[in-house]
């Protein structure tokens, strides 16, 4: 496993913990992820936010079926 892959996995785990614990607002967390990836050299700092701009968030909701 490369250093960049390890850094990305660590950032992913930290992000999941922060999302579950709800200690950091989602907007700040969303801005911090590309910044952390750029600061660690995983992605290019110049395109850190432009590449994340083409994302779509899909929330899956299943309602309980009537019985």
C-alpha atoms as a PDB file:
ATOM      1  CA  UNK A   1       0.000   0.000   0.000  1.00  0.00           C
ATOM      2  CA  UNK A   2       1.401   3.403  -0.957  1.00  0.00           C
ATOM      3  CA  UNK A   3       1.840   6.318   1.411  1.00  0.00           C
ATOM      4  CA  UNK A   4      -0.888   8.274  -0.380  1.00  0.00           C
ATOM      5  CA  UNK A   5      -3.324   5.370   0.026  1.00  0.00           C
ATOM      6  CA  UNK A   6      -2.539   5.132   3.733  1.00  0.00           C
ATOM      7  CA  UNK A   7      -3.035   8.882   4.196  1.00  0.00           C
ATOM      8  CA  UNK A   8      -6.337   8.711   2.320  1.00  0.00           C
ATOM      9  CA  UNK A   9      -7.524   5.811   4.493  1.00  0.00           C
ATOM     10  CA  UNK A  10      -6.580   7.660   7.675  1.00  0.00           C
ATOM     11  CA  UNK A  11      -8.466  10.765   6.514  1.00  0.00           C
ATOM     12  CA  UNK A  12     -11.454   8.553   5.652  1.00  0.00           C
ATOM     13  CA  UNK A  13     -11.493   6.966   9.105  1.00  0.00           C
ATOM     14  CA  UNK A  14     -11.182  10.355  10.815  1.00  0.00           C
ATOM     15  CA  UNK A  15     -14.001  11.683   8.638  1.00  0.00           C
ATOM     16  CA  UNK A  16     -16.264   8.752   9.508  1.00  0.00           C
ATOM     17  CA  UNK A  17     -15.595   9.176  13.242  1.00  0.00           C
ATOM     18  CA  UNK A  18     -16.358  12.889  13.045  1.00  0.00           C
ATOM     19  CA  UNK A  19     -19.534  12.245  11.038  1.00  0.00           C
ATOM     20  CA  UNK A  20     -20.788   9.625  13.478  1.00  0.00           C
ATOM     21  CA  UNK A  21     -19.938  11.683  16.558  1.00  0.00           C
ATOM     22  CA  UNK A  22     -21.362  14.861  14.965  1.00  0.00           C
ATOM     23  CA  UNK A  23     -18.599  16.935  16.604  1.00  0.00           C
ATOM     24  CA  UNK A  24     -17.871  18.960  13.448  1.00  0.00           C
ATOM     25  CA  UNK A  25     -20.505  20.592  11.214  1.00  0.00           C
ATOM     26  CA  UNK A  26     -20.874  18.880   7.850  1.00  0.00           C
ATOM     27  CA  UNK A  27     -20.019  22.049   5.902  1.00  0.00           C
ATOM     28  CA  UNK A  28     -16.706  22.453   7.697  1.00  0.00           C
ATOM     29  CA  UNK A  29     -15.909  18.777   7.337  1.00  0.00           C
ATOM     30  CA  UNK A  30     -16.687  18.919   3.621  1.00  0.00           C
ATOM     31  CA  UNK A  31     -14.288  21.838   3.198  1.00  0.00           C
ATOM     32  CA  UNK A  32     -11.607  20.239   5.349  1.00  0.00           C
ATOM     33  CA  UNK A  33     -11.366  16.970   3.407  1.00  0.00           C
ATOM     34  CA  UNK A  34      -9.919  18.442   0.175  1.00  0.00           C
ATOM     35  CA  UNK A  35      -7.709  20.767   2.237  1.00  0.00           C
ATOM     36  CA  UNK A  36      -6.294  17.814   4.198  1.00  0.00           C
ATOM     37  CA  UNK A  37      -5.721  15.811   1.022  1.00  0.00           C
ATOM     38  CA  UNK A  38      -3.957  18.785  -0.599  1.00  0.00           C
ATOM     39  CA  UNK A  39      -1.871  19.519   2.517  1.00  0.00           C
ATOM     40  CA  UNK A  40      -0.630  15.932   2.611  1.00  0.00           C
ATOM     41  CA  UNK A  41       0.173  15.927  -1.115  1.00  0.00           C
ATOM     42  CA  UNK A  42      -2.406  13.312  -2.078  1.00  0.00           C
ATOM     43  CA  UNK A  43      -4.065  15.677  -4.549  1.00  0.00           C
ATOM     44  CA  UNK A  44      -2.893  18.840  -6.281  1.00  0.00           C
ATOM     45  CA  UNK A  45      -3.548  21.925  -4.142  1.00  0.00           C
ATOM     46  CA  UNK A  46      -4.613  23.938  -7.182  1.00  0.00           C
ATOM     47  CA  UNK A  47      -7.417  21.562  -8.052  1.00  0.00           C
ATOM     48  CA  UNK A  48      -8.370  20.476  -4.536  1.00  0.00           C
ATOM     49  CA  UNK A  49     -11.805  22.092  -4.614  1.00  0.00           C
ATOM     50  CA  UNK A  50     -12.552  22.008  -8.332  1.00  0.00           C
ATOM     51  CA  UNK A  51     -12.407  18.222  -8.425  1.00  0.00           C
ATOM     52  CA  UNK A  52     -14.734  17.949  -5.441  1.00  0.00           C
ATOM     53  CA  UNK A  53     -17.186  20.390  -7.035  1.00  0.00           C
ATOM     54  CA  UNK A  54     -18.611  17.723  -9.340  1.00  0.00           C
ATOM     55  CA  UNK A  55     -19.935  15.512  -6.564  1.00  0.00           C
ATOM     56  CA  UNK A  56     -23.515  14.567  -5.910  1.00  0.00           C
ATOM     57  CA  UNK A  57     -24.878  13.608  -2.528  1.00  0.00           C
ATOM     58  CA  UNK A  58     -27.605  11.013  -2.558  1.00  0.00           C
ATOM     59  CA  UNK A  59     -29.536  10.264   0.610  1.00  0.00           C
ATOM     60  CA  UNK A  60     -31.295   6.928   0.676  1.00  0.00           C
ATOM     61  CA  UNK A  61     -34.508   6.841   2.671  1.00  0.00           C
ATOM     62  CA  UNK A  62     -36.635   3.760   3.057  1.00  0.00           C
ATOM     63  CA  UNK A  63     -39.953   4.149   4.736  1.00  0.00           C
ATOM     64  CA  UNK A  64     -41.342   1.333   6.815  1.00  0.00           C
ATOM     65  CA  UNK A  65     -43.918  -0.724   4.981  1.00  0.00           C
ATOM     66  CA  UNK A  66     -47.398  -0.840   6.475  1.00  0.00           C
ATOM     67  CA  UNK A  67     -48.344  -4.154   8.002  1.00  0.00           C
END
